[in-house]
C-alpha atoms as a PDB file:
ATOM      1  CA  MET A   1      -9.388  21.841  -8.498  1.00  0.00           C
ATOM      2  CA  ARG A   2      -7.204  20.064  -6.612  1.00  0.00           C
ATOM      3  CA  GLU A   3      -6.015  17.534  -9.107  1.00  0.00           C
ATOM      4  CA  ARG A   4      -5.544  20.400 -11.521  1.00  0.00           C
ATOM      5  CA  THR A   5      -3.266  22.440  -9.199  1.00  0.00           C
ATOM      6  CA  GLN A   6      -1.263  19.110  -8.865  1.00  0.00           C
ATOM      7  CA  LEU A   7      -1.022  18.534 -12.579  1.00  0.00           C
ATOM      8  CA  GLU A   8      -0.307  22.280 -12.734  1.00  0.00           C
ATOM      9  CA  THR A   9       2.443  21.893 -10.451  1.00  0.00           C
ATOM     10  CA  ALA A  10       3.852  18.513 -11.914  1.00  0.00           C
ATOM     11  CA  ILE A  11       4.127  20.330 -15.505  1.00  0.00           C
ATOM     12  CA  ASN A  12       5.145  24.041 -14.371  1.00  0.00           C
ATOM     13  CA  GLY A  13       8.257  22.255 -12.741  1.00  0.00           C
ATOM     14  CA  TYR A  14       8.942  20.167 -15.776  1.00  0.00           C
ATOM     15  CA  ARG A  15       8.991  23.365 -17.902  1.00  0.00           C
ATOM     16  CA  ALA A  16      10.934  25.591 -15.372  1.00  0.00           C
ATOM     17  CA  LEU A  17      13.701  23.251 -15.328  1.00  0.00           C
ATOM     18  CA  GLU A  18      13.676  22.865 -19.223  1.00  0.00           C
ATOM     19  CA  ARG A  19      13.958  26.462 -19.375  1.00  0.00           C
ATOM     20  CA  ASP A  20      16.806  26.372 -16.572  1.00  0.00           C
ATOM     21  CA  LEU A  21      18.794  24.025 -18.329  1.00  0.00           C
ATOM     22  CA  ASN A  22      18.321  26.086 -22.118  1.00  0.00           C
ATOM     23  CA  ASP A  23      19.614  29.196 -20.281  1.00  0.00           C
ATOM     24  CA  GLY A  24      22.300  27.485 -19.080  1.00  0.00           C
ATOM     25  CA  ILE A  25      23.625  25.643 -22.397  1.00  0.00           C
ATOM     26  CA  GLU A  26      23.022  28.609 -24.181  1.00  0.00           C
ATOM     27  CA  LEU A  27      25.329  30.813 -21.246  1.00  0.00           C
ATOM     28  CA  ILE A  28      27.923  28.390 -21.763  1.00  0.00           C
ATOM     29  CA  GLU A  29      28.040  28.932 -25.574  1.00  0.00           C
ATOM     30  CA  LEU A  30      28.129  32.577 -25.377  1.00  0.00           C
ATOM     31  CA  GLY A  31      30.907  32.382 -22.734  1.00  0.00           C
ATOM     32  CA  GLU A  32      32.956  29.979 -24.618  1.00  0.00           C
ATOM     33  CA  MET A  33      32.307  32.515 -27.786  1.00  0.00           C
ATOM     34  CA  GLU A  34      33.825  35.405 -25.876  1.00  0.00           C
ATOM     35  CA  GLY A  35      36.376  33.276 -23.962  1.00  0.00           C
ATOM     36  CA  ASP A  36      34.946  34.419 -20.455  1.00  0.00           C
ATOM     37  CA  GLU A  37      35.906  31.317 -18.030  1.00  0.00           C
ATOM     38  CA  SER A  38      33.951  32.711 -15.556  1.00  0.00           C
ATOM     39  CA  VAL A  39      30.911  32.717 -17.172  1.00  0.00           C
ATOM     40  CA  VAL A  40      31.346  29.164 -18.376  1.00  0.00           C
ATOM     41  CA  ALA A  41      32.009  28.202 -15.082  1.00  0.00           C
ATOM     42  CA  ASP A  42      28.887  29.914 -13.291  1.00  0.00           C
ATOM     43  CA  ALA A  43      26.668  27.941 -15.907  1.00  0.00           C
ATOM     44  CA  GLU A  44      27.817  24.707 -15.513  1.00  0.00           C
ATOM     45  CA  LYS A  45      27.681  24.845 -11.434  1.00  0.00           C
ATOM     46  CA  SER A  46      23.933  26.038 -12.447  1.00  0.00           C
ATOM     47  CA  LEU A  47      23.471  22.966 -14.527  1.00  0.00           C
ATOM     48  CA  MET A  48      24.682  20.941 -11.712  1.00  0.00           C
ATOM     49  CA  GLY A  49      22.597  22.175  -9.334  1.00  0.00           C
ATOM     50  CA  LEU A  50      19.745  20.987 -11.804  1.00  0.00           C
ATOM     51  CA  GLN A  51      20.223  17.562 -11.228  1.00  0.00           C
ATOM     52  CA  SER A  52      18.958  17.251  -7.478  1.00  0.00           C
ATOM     53  CA  ARG A  53      15.715  19.274  -9.286  1.00  0.00           C
ATOM     54  CA  ALA A  54      15.465  16.292 -11.756  1.00  0.00           C
ATOM     55  CA  ARG A  55      15.710  13.956  -9.506  1.00  0.00           C
ATOM     56  CA  ALA A  56      12.920  15.223  -7.209  1.00  0.00           C
ATOM     57  CA  LEU A  57      10.599  15.822 -10.509  1.00  0.00           C
ATOM     58  CA  GLU A  58      11.567  12.289 -10.829  1.00  0.00           C
ATOM     59  CA  LEU A  59      10.671  10.730  -7.994  1.00  0.00           C
ATOM     60  CA  GLU A  60       7.427  12.871  -7.892  1.00  0.00           C
ATOM     61  CA  SER A  61       6.312  11.623 -11.296  1.00  0.00           C
ATOM     62  CA  LEU A  62       6.844   7.886  -9.931  1.00  0.00           C
ATOM     63  CA  LEU A  63       3.855   8.734  -7.109  1.00  0.00           C
ATOM     64  CA  SER A  64       1.290   7.964 -10.032  1.00  0.00           C
ATOM     65  CA  GLY A  65      -1.033   5.187  -9.195  1.00  0.00           C
ATOM     66  CA  GLU A  66      -4.648   6.010  -8.370  1.00  0.00           C
ATOM     67  CA  ALA A  67      -4.683   6.150  -4.533  1.00  0.00           C
ATOM     68  CA  ASP A  68      -0.675   7.812  -4.178  1.00  0.00           C
ATOM     69  CA  ALA A  69      -2.011  11.107  -3.597  1.00  0.00           C
ATOM     70  CA  ASN A  70      -4.117  10.344  -0.473  1.00  0.00           C
ATOM     71  CA  ASP A  71      -3.773  10.089   3.089  1.00  0.00           C
ATOM     72  CA  CYS A  72      -2.757   6.907   4.588  1.00  0.00           C
ATOM     73  CA  PHE A  73      -3.404   4.787   7.423  1.00  0.00           C
ATOM     74  CA  LEU A  74      -0.409   3.254   8.865  1.00  0.00           C
ATOM     75  CA  GLU A  75      -0.432   0.120  11.360  1.00  0.00           C
ATOM     76  CA  VAL A  76       1.916  -1.397  13.497  1.00  0.00           C
ATOM     77  CA  ASN A  77       1.910  -4.881  15.445  1.00  0.00           C
ATOM     78  CA  ALA A  78       4.557  -6.468  17.283  1.00  0.00           C
ATOM     79  CA  GLY A  79       5.407  -9.981  16.736  1.00  0.00           C
ATOM     80  CA  ALA A  80       6.610 -12.687  18.979  1.00  0.00           C
ATOM     81  CA  GLY A  81       8.713 -11.844  21.993  1.00  0.00           C
ATOM     82  CA  GLY A  82       7.384  -9.978  24.715  1.00  0.00           C
ATOM     83  CA  THR A  83       8.417  -6.637  25.958  1.00  0.00           C
ATOM     84  CA  GLU A  84      11.458  -6.345  23.414  1.00  0.00           C
ATOM     85  CA  ALA A  85       9.115  -6.843  20.198  1.00  0.00           C
ATOM     86  CA  GLN A  86       6.253  -4.062  21.948  1.00  0.00           C
ATOM     87  CA  ASP A  87       9.209  -1.879  22.351  1.00  0.00           C
ATOM     88  CA  TRP A  88      10.252  -2.386  18.923  1.00  0.00           C
ATOM     89  CA  GLY A  89       7.100  -1.578  17.601  1.00  0.00           C
ATOM     90  CA  LEU A  90       7.050   2.031  19.557  1.00  0.00           C
ATOM     91  CA  MET A  91      10.374   2.722  18.049  1.00  0.00           C
ATOM     92  CA  LEU A  92       8.757   1.771  14.578  1.00  0.00           C
ATOM     93  CA  LEU A  93       5.712   3.933  15.415  1.00  0.00           C
ATOM     94  CA  ARG A  94       7.870   6.561  16.308  1.00  0.00           C
ATOM     95  CA  MET A  95      10.329   6.563  13.251  1.00  0.00           C
ATOM     96  CA  TYR A  96       7.114   7.316  10.735  1.00  0.00           C
ATOM     97  CA  THR A  97       5.683   9.567  12.923  1.00  0.00           C
ATOM     98  CA  ARG A  98       8.754  11.596  13.192  1.00  0.00           C
ATOM     99  CA  TRP A  99       9.090  11.172   9.411  1.00  0.00           C
ATOM    100  CA  ALA A 100       5.737  12.370   8.659  1.00  0.00           C
ATOM    101  CA  GLU A 101       6.509  15.791  10.804  1.00  0.00           C
ATOM    102  CA  GLN A 102       9.442  16.006   9.206  1.00  0.00           C
ATOM    103  CA  HIS A 103       7.686  16.228   5.625  1.00  0.00           C
ATOM    104  CA  GLY A 104       4.866  18.489   6.911  1.00  0.00           C
ATOM    105  CA  TYR A 105       2.372  15.918   7.274  1.00  0.00           C
ATOM    106  CA  LYS A 106       0.005  15.726   9.995  1.00  0.00           C
ATOM    107  CA  VAL A 107      -0.524  12.524  12.338  1.00  0.00           C
ATOM    108  CA  GLU A 108      -3.602  11.367  14.162  1.00  0.00           C
ATOM    109  CA  ILE A 109      -3.512   8.249  16.576  1.00  0.00           C
ATOM    110  CA  LEU A 110      -6.390   6.608  15.448  1.00  0.00           C
ATOM    111  CA  ASP A 111      -6.227   3.358  18.037  1.00  0.00           C
ATOM    112  CA  GLU A 112      -3.407   2.095  20.263  1.00  0.00           C
ATOM    113  CA  THR A 113      -2.846  -1.137  22.750  1.00  0.00           C
ATOM    114  CA  GLY A 114      -0.014  -0.551  24.889  1.00  0.00           C
ATOM    115  CA  GLY A 115       2.349  -3.420  25.754  1.00  0.00           C
ATOM    116  CA  GLU A 116       2.397  -5.166  29.250  1.00  0.00           C
ATOM    117  CA  GLU A 117       5.506  -3.746  30.750  1.00  0.00           C
ATOM    118  CA  ALA A 118       6.464  -1.178  27.987  1.00  0.00           C
ATOM    119  CA  GLY A 119       5.957  -0.442  24.221  1.00  0.00           C
ATOM    120  CA  ILE A 120       3.135  -1.271  22.619  1.00  0.00           C
ATOM    121  CA  LYS A 121       0.966  -4.375  20.935  1.00  0.00           C
ATOM    122  CA  SER A 122      -0.308  -2.823  18.003  1.00  0.00           C
ATOM    123  CA  ALA A 123      -1.109   1.156  16.912  1.00  0.00           C
ATOM    124  CA  THR A 124      -2.700   2.542  13.778  1.00  0.00           C
ATOM    125  CA  ILE A 125      -1.928   6.262  13.154  1.00  0.00           C
ATOM    126  CA  GLN A 126      -3.610   8.169  10.007  1.00  0.00           C
ATOM    127  CA  ILE A 127      -0.901  10.248   8.240  1.00  0.00           C
ATOM    128  CA  LYS A 128      -2.316  13.238   6.462  1.00  0.00           C
ATOM    129  CA  GLY A 129      -0.893  15.014   3.551  1.00  0.00           C
ATOM    130  CA  HIS A 130      -0.220  14.909   0.010  1.00  0.00           C
ATOM    131  CA  ASN A 131       1.284  11.594  -1.696  1.00  0.00           C
ATOM    132  CA  ALA A 132       1.583  10.231   2.025  1.00  0.00           C
ATOM    133  CA  TYR A 133       0.180   6.826   0.909  1.00  0.00           C
ATOM    134  CA  GLY A 134       2.633   6.953  -2.113  1.00  0.00           C
ATOM    135  CA  TRP A 135       5.749   7.280  -0.501  1.00  0.00           C
ATOM    136  CA  LEU A 136       4.746   5.121   2.601  1.00  0.00           C
ATOM    137  CA  LYS A 137       3.264   1.996   0.597  1.00  0.00           C
ATOM    138  CA  THR A 138       6.705   0.235   0.442  1.00  0.00           C
ATOM    139  CA  GLU A 139       6.703   0.167   4.287  1.00  0.00           C
ATOM    140  CA  SER A 140       4.516  -2.840   4.245  1.00  0.00           C
ATOM    141  CA  GLY A 141       6.190  -6.085   5.383  1.00  0.00           C
ATOM    142  CA  VAL A 142       8.372  -6.974   8.745  1.00  0.00           C
ATOM    143  CA  HIS A 143      10.781  -5.163  10.167  1.00  0.00           C
ATOM    144  CA  ARG A 144      13.458  -6.448  12.280  1.00  0.00           C
ATOM    145  CA  LEU A 145      16.010  -5.482  15.177  1.00  0.00           C
ATOM    146  CA  VAL A 146      19.128  -6.321  16.502  1.00  0.00           C
ATOM    147  CA  ARG A 147      20.350  -5.006  19.597  1.00  0.00           C
ATOM    148  CA  ILE A 148      21.328  -5.644  23.512  1.00  0.00           C
ATOM    149  CA  SER A 149      18.051  -5.659  25.284  1.00  0.00           C
ATOM    150  CA  PRO A 150      17.423  -2.970  27.656  1.00  0.00           C
ATOM    151  CA  PHE A 151      15.255  -5.561  29.379  1.00  0.00           C
ATOM    152  CA  ASP A 152      17.855  -8.196  29.842  1.00  0.00           C
ATOM    153  CA  SER A 153      19.219  -8.244  32.925  1.00  0.00           C
ATOM    154  CA  GLN A 154      22.430 -10.219  31.404  1.00  0.00           C
ATOM    155  CA  ALA A 155      22.806  -7.791  28.417  1.00  0.00           C
ATOM    156  CA  ARG A 156      21.951 -10.270  25.896  1.00  0.00           C
ATOM    157  CA  ARG A 157      21.919  -9.977  22.235  1.00  0.00           C
ATOM    158  CA  HIS A 158      17.830  -9.968  21.408  1.00  0.00           C
ATOM    159  CA  THR A 159      16.699 -10.269  17.777  1.00  0.00           C
ATOM    160  CA  SER A 160      12.760  -8.437  17.364  1.00  0.00           C
ATOM    161  CA  PHE A 161       9.901  -8.398  15.371  1.00  0.00           C
ATOM    162  CA  SER A 162       7.351  -6.049  13.954  1.00  0.00           C
ATOM    163  CA  SER A 163       5.040  -5.877  11.089  1.00  0.00           C
ATOM    164  CA  VAL A 164       3.810  -2.441   9.319  1.00  0.00           C
ATOM    165  CA  SER A 165       0.704  -2.325   7.087  1.00  0.00           C
ATOM    166  CA  VAL A 166       0.059   0.713   4.774  1.00  0.00           C
ATOM    167  CA  THR A 167      -3.534   1.561   3.602  1.00  0.00           C
ATOM    168  CA  PRO A 168      -4.980   4.435   1.773  1.00  0.00           C
ATOM    169  CA  VAL A 169      -7.214   6.455   2.756  1.00  0.00           C
ATOM    170  CA  ILE A 170     -10.339   6.185   0.318  1.00  0.00           C
ATOM    171  CA  ASP A 171     -11.756   9.515  -0.975  1.00  0.00           C
ATOM    172  CA  ASP A 172     -14.966  10.658  -3.099  1.00  0.00           C
ATOM    173  CA  LYS A 173     -13.426   9.291  -6.480  1.00  0.00           C
ATOM    174  CA  ILE A 174     -12.999   5.951  -5.258  1.00  0.00           C
ATOM    175  CA  VAL A 175     -15.750   3.668  -4.573  1.00  0.00           C
ATOM    176  CA  VAL A 176     -15.597   0.547  -2.270  1.00  0.00           C
ATOM    177  CA  GLU A 177     -19.117  -1.249  -1.376  1.00  0.00           C
ATOM    178  CA  ILE A 178     -19.378  -3.401   1.691  1.00  0.00           C
ATOM    179  CA  ASN A 179     -22.429  -5.211   2.777  1.00  0.00           C
ATOM    180  CA  GLU A 180     -23.293  -4.648   5.894  1.00  0.00           C
ATOM    181  CA  LYS A 181     -24.302  -8.255   6.537  1.00  0.00           C
ATOM    182  CA  ASP A 182     -20.999  -8.775   6.239  1.00  0.00           C
ATOM    183  CA  VAL A 183     -19.699  -6.719   8.845  1.00  0.00           C
ATOM    184  CA  ARG A 184     -19.862  -7.560  12.663  1.00  0.00           C
ATOM    185  CA  THR A 185     -19.856  -4.646  14.590  1.00  0.00           C
ATOM    186  CA  ASP A 186     -18.467  -4.678  18.814  1.00  0.00           C
ATOM    187  CA  THR A 187     -18.344  -1.401  21.175  1.00  0.00           C
ATOM    188  CA  TYR A 188     -15.766  -1.709  23.996  1.00  0.00           C
ATOM    189  CA  ARG A 189     -14.483   0.853  26.540  1.00  0.00           C
ATOM    190  CA  ALA A 190     -11.312   3.086  25.410  1.00  0.00           C
ATOM    191  CA  SER A 191      -8.270   2.563  27.179  1.00  0.00           C
ATOM    192  CA  GLY A 192      -6.009   4.993  28.126  1.00  0.00           C
ATOM    193  CA  ALA A 193      -6.121   8.783  28.009  1.00  0.00           C
ATOM    194  CA  GLY A 194      -9.303  10.699  27.311  1.00  0.00           C
ATOM    195  CA  GLY A 195     -10.958  11.610  30.393  1.00  0.00           C
ATOM    196  CA  GLN A 196     -13.995  10.248  32.344  1.00  0.00           C
ATOM    197  CA  HIS A 197     -16.127   9.945  29.361  1.00  0.00           C
ATOM    198  CA  VAL A 198     -14.509   7.987  27.073  1.00  0.00           C
ATOM    199  CA  ASN A 199     -13.204   5.828  29.825  1.00  0.00           C
ATOM    200  CA  LYS A 200     -16.921   4.981  31.613  1.00  0.00           C
ATOM    201  CA  THR A 201     -18.800   4.397  27.944  1.00  0.00           C
ATOM    202  CA  ASP A 202     -18.409   1.916  25.317  1.00  0.00           C
ATOM    203  CA  SER A 203     -17.411   4.691  23.078  1.00  0.00           C
ATOM    204  CA  ALA A 204     -14.528   2.601  21.137  1.00  0.00           C
ATOM    205  CA  VAL A 205     -15.941   0.404  17.874  1.00  0.00           C
ATOM    206  CA  ARG A 206     -14.069  -2.838  16.259  1.00  0.00           C
ATOM    207  CA  LEU A 207     -15.074  -3.859  12.866  1.00  0.00           C
ATOM    208  CA  THR A 208     -15.078  -7.412  11.995  1.00  0.00           C
ATOM    209  CA  HIS A 209     -15.529  -8.077   7.790  1.00  0.00           C
ATOM    210  CA  ILE A 210     -16.546 -11.986   7.987  1.00  0.00           C
ATOM    211  CA  PRO A 211     -15.644 -12.727   4.222  1.00  0.00           C
ATOM    212  CA  THR A 212     -12.077 -11.339   4.819  1.00  0.00           C
ATOM    213  CA  GLY A 213     -11.454 -11.620   8.168  1.00  0.00           C
ATOM    214  CA  ILE A 214     -10.077  -7.657   8.326  1.00  0.00           C
ATOM    215  CA  VAL A 215     -10.358  -6.287  11.691  1.00  0.00           C
ATOM    216  CA  VAL A 216      -9.885  -2.973  12.051  1.00  0.00           C
ATOM    217  CA  ALA A 217     -10.599  -0.428  15.634  1.00  0.00           C
ATOM    218  CA  CYS A 218     -10.934   2.917  16.481  1.00  0.00           C
ATOM    219  CA  GLN A 219     -11.401   4.712  19.778  1.00  0.00           C
ATOM    220  CA  GLN A 220      -9.783   8.636  19.446  1.00  0.00           C
ATOM    221  CA  GLU A 221     -12.816   9.842  19.589  1.00  0.00           C
ATOM    222  CA  ARG A 222     -15.246  10.843  22.572  1.00  0.00           C
ATOM    223  CA  SER A 223     -18.460   9.780  20.577  1.00  0.00           C
ATOM    224  CA  GLN A 224     -18.898   6.225  19.502  1.00  0.00           C
ATOM    225  CA  HIS A 225     -20.451   7.475  16.481  1.00  0.00           C
ATOM    226  CA  LYS A 226     -17.742   9.168  15.048  1.00  0.00           C
ATOM    227  CA  ASN A 227     -15.725   6.470  16.158  1.00  0.00           C
ATOM    228  CA  ARG A 228     -17.691   3.879  14.327  1.00  0.00           C
ATOM    229  CA  ALA A 229     -17.261   6.525  11.004  1.00  0.00           C
ATOM    230  CA  LYS A 230     -13.817   6.396  11.415  1.00  0.00           C
ATOM    231  CA  ALA A 231     -13.766   2.619  11.550  1.00  0.00           C
ATOM    232  CA  TRP A 232     -15.749   2.336   8.446  1.00  0.00           C
ATOM    233  CA  ASP A 233     -13.314   4.707   6.638  1.00  0.00           C
ATOM    234  CA  MET A 234     -10.480   2.256   7.841  1.00  0.00           C
ATOM    235  CA  LEU A 235     -12.317  -0.985   6.932  1.00  0.00           C
ATOM    236  CA  ARG A 236     -12.701   0.615   3.181  1.00  0.00           C
ATOM    237  CA  ALA A 237      -9.147   1.479   3.251  1.00  0.00           C
ATOM    238  CA  ARG A 238      -8.209  -2.284   4.210  1.00  0.00           C
ATOM    239  CA  ILE A 239     -10.348  -3.664   1.536  1.00  0.00           C
ATOM    240  CA  TYR A 240      -9.212  -1.102  -1.287  1.00  0.00           C
ATOM    241  CA  GLU A 241      -5.825  -2.176  -0.153  1.00  0.00           C
ATOM    242  CA  MET A 242      -6.361  -5.904  -0.478  1.00  0.00           C
ATOM    243  CA  GLU A 243      -7.721  -5.231  -4.271  1.00  0.00           C
ATOM    244  CA  LEU A 244      -4.769  -3.399  -5.100  1.00  0.00           C
ATOM    245  CA  ARG A 245      -2.948  -6.095  -3.876  1.00  0.00           C
ATOM    246  CA  LYS A 246      -4.302  -8.741  -5.959  1.00  0.00           C
ATOM    247  CA  ARG A 247      -3.185  -6.955  -8.714  1.00  0.00           C
ATOM    248  CA  GLU A 248       0.102  -7.190  -7.914  1.00  0.00           C
ATOM    249  CA  GLU A 249       0.787 -10.552  -6.549  1.00  0.00           C
ATOM    250  CA  ALA A 250       3.275 -11.507  -9.605  1.00  0.00           C
ATOM    251  CA  ALA A 251       5.137  -8.652  -7.608  1.00  0.00           C
ATOM    252  CA  ALA A 252       7.953 -10.548  -5.047  1.00  0.00           C
ATOM    253  CA  ALA A 253       7.703  -7.615  -2.377  1.00  0.00           C
ATOM    254  CA  LEU A 254       4.600  -7.421  -1.919  1.00  0.00           C
ATOM    255  CA  GLU A 255       4.870 -11.516  -0.429  1.00  0.00           C
ATOM    256  CA  ALA A 256       6.344 -10.417   3.130  1.00  0.00           C
ATOM    257  CA  THR A 257       3.131  -8.755   3.660  1.00  0.00           C
ATOM    258  CA  LYS A 258       1.199 -11.647   3.781  1.00  0.00           C
ATOM    259  CA  THR A 259       3.431 -14.394   5.882  1.00  0.00           C
ATOM    260  CA  ASP A 260       4.241 -14.542   9.374  1.00  0.00           C
ATOM    261  CA  ILE A 261       5.878 -11.847  11.622  1.00  0.00           C
ATOM    262  CA  GLY A 262       9.421 -13.630  11.907  1.00  0.00           C
ATOM    263  CA  TRP A 263      12.616 -14.862  10.500  1.00  0.00           C
ATOM    264  CA  GLY A 264      12.930 -14.841   6.628  1.00  0.00           C
ATOM    265  CA  HIS A 265       9.733 -12.822   6.138  1.00  0.00           C
ATOM    266  CA  GLN A 266      11.210  -9.195   6.734  1.00  0.00           C
ATOM    267  CA  ILE A 267      11.723  -6.708   4.387  1.00  0.00           C
ATOM    268  CA  ARG A 268      14.562  -4.486   6.207  1.00  0.00           C
ATOM    269  CA  SER A 269      17.007  -5.076   9.176  1.00  0.00           C
ATOM    270  CA  TYR A 270      17.670  -2.747  11.991  1.00  0.00           C
ATOM    271  CA  VAL A 271      21.170  -3.520  13.982  1.00  0.00           C
ATOM    272  CA  LEU A 272      22.524  -1.451  16.853  1.00  0.00           C
ATOM    273  CA  GLN A 273      24.524  -3.891  18.193  1.00  0.00           C
ATOM    274  CA  PRO A 274      27.634  -5.141  17.552  1.00  0.00           C
ATOM    275  CA  TYR A 275      27.552  -2.822  14.952  1.00  0.00           C
ATOM    276  CA  GLN A 276      25.110  -0.321  13.516  1.00  0.00           C
ATOM    277  CA  MET A 277      23.812  -0.998  10.216  1.00  0.00           C
ATOM    278  CA  VAL A 278      20.542  -0.386   8.655  1.00  0.00           C
ATOM    279  CA  LYS A 279      19.736  -2.420   5.400  1.00  0.00           C
ATOM    280  CA  ASP A 280      16.833  -2.871   3.172  1.00  0.00           C
ATOM    281  CA  LEU A 281      16.442  -6.513   1.492  1.00  0.00           C
ATOM    282  CA  ARG A 282      14.814  -5.914  -1.192  1.00  0.00           C
ATOM    283  CA  THR A 283      17.129  -3.068  -2.760  1.00  0.00           C
ATOM    284  CA  GLY A 284      20.378  -3.868  -0.820  1.00  0.00           C
ATOM    285  CA  VAL A 285      20.291  -0.068   0.133  1.00  0.00           C
ATOM    286  CA  GLU A 286      22.030   0.527   3.714  1.00  0.00           C
ATOM    287  CA  THR A 287      23.603   2.729   5.799  1.00  0.00           C
ATOM    288  CA  SER A 288      25.567   2.869   9.260  1.00  0.00           C
ATOM    289  CA  GLN A 289      23.688   5.992  10.463  1.00  0.00           C
ATOM    290  CA  SER A 290      20.633   3.510  12.289  1.00  0.00           C
ATOM    291  CA  GLY A 291      20.370   6.423  14.964  1.00  0.00           C
ATOM    292  CA  ALA A 292      18.942   9.093  12.110  1.00  0.00           C
ATOM    293  CA  VAL A 293      17.315   6.215  10.269  1.00  0.00           C
ATOM    294  CA  LEU A 294      15.104   5.609  13.799  1.00  0.00           C
ATOM    295  CA  ASP A 295      15.001   9.249  14.342  1.00  0.00           C
ATOM    296  CA  GLY A 296      12.825   9.442  10.902  1.00  0.00           C
ATOM    297  CA  ASP A 297      15.767   9.604   8.334  1.00  0.00           C
ATOM    298  CA  LEU A 298      13.904   7.374   6.057  1.00  0.00           C
ATOM    299  CA  ASP A 299      14.371   8.863   2.179  1.00  0.00           C
ATOM    300  CA  GLN A 300      16.831   6.659   0.560  1.00  0.00           C
ATOM    301  CA  PHE A 301      14.915   3.808   1.780  1.00  0.00           C
ATOM    302  CA  LEU A 302      11.273   4.740   0.535  1.00  0.00           C
ATOM    303  CA  GLN A 303      12.876   6.143  -2.694  1.00  0.00           C
ATOM    304  CA  ALA A 304      14.924   2.969  -3.503  1.00  0.00           C
ATOM    305  CA  ALA A 305      11.795   0.915  -2.721  1.00  0.00           C
ATOM    306  CA  LEU A 306       9.477   2.805  -4.894  1.00  0.00           C
ATOM    307  CA  ALA A 307      12.124   3.341  -7.922  1.00  0.00           C
ATOM    308  CA  SER A 308      12.235  -0.800  -7.669  1.00  0.00           C
ATOM    309  CA  ARG A 309       8.748  -1.544  -7.851  1.00  0.00           C
ATOM    310  CA  ILE A 310       8.089   0.690 -10.793  1.00  0.00           C
ATOM    311  CA  LYS A 311      10.948  -0.789 -12.573  1.00  0.00           C
ATOM    312  CA  GLY A 312       9.581  -4.429 -11.771  1.00  0.00           C
ATOM    313  CA  GLN A 313       6.000  -3.082 -13.061  1.00  0.00           C
ATOM    314  CA  GLY A 314       7.709  -1.857 -16.378  1.00  0.00           C
ATOM    315  CA  ASP A 315       9.268  -5.006 -16.584  1.00  0.00           C
ATOM    316  CA  GLU A 316       6.431  -7.356 -16.142  1.00  0.00           C
ATOM    317  CA  ALA A 317       4.314  -4.916 -18.994  1.00  0.00           C
ATOM    318  CA  ALA A 318       7.442  -5.386 -21.306  1.00  0.00           C
ATOM    319  CA  ALA A 319       7.535  -9.425 -20.925  1.00  0.00           C
END
């Protein structure tokens, strides 16, 4: 029923656009026949307004991958650089959280390891909502920050790196089989807020998939049983995303997700000093509104990266 509703919504949106386009054309023809310039002007204004609706429908049509409609797990890992990189990791986590909230998505923190002085070493969140994975899947890669470090007493400029990984939440339509013998389970005490029960029992769960080396952890729930179930969901998602990536190995945009967190492997640069600029190195899209971007204004980057990926897949198919 959910899939049917989504398809009906897409089809009805196209039909409404087509109907309004034809109505506008007929009004223009009628206004020209009667010599009524005001009718023509109103109809032309209405047709111009259809452009934004057409662009929105075009972007929605790009989200047609087998897991695009699903929720997603988003993981942030600070690169080398100590406190400065860990603070950058927290800034990225906040950026994606704000973007999700602005688009009506729900955000749930699954795992977080705080930095030694500030920021985070790593964190995993789940973003819940229609097309969450479809919109964010191109964000996987290394993100570079250049700024005057607030942690440097000499106010020197620093360059920091953090990596982002986005994987789809697997629903009942997608089956991922994992041999339990290939998975090592570790339990430990959760850190941070959570009360006496969480901090004094081994409720947190870490799973290691030995054949691939994939590691996931969850400490959000009070019970070990619930954390174990969520961690298995995350592991299935990571393995499924790895299989998806294998199918797209020829796509250069994904190569950054397989390399070190450092120079030469970033997908986007965020410069706060000596000037303001955020530039996506894959699509060339850039803006001087770096504050707005860090506050969640990511749509122009997501749309361009998504369109670029679809175009690249189309070119490969044609070749």
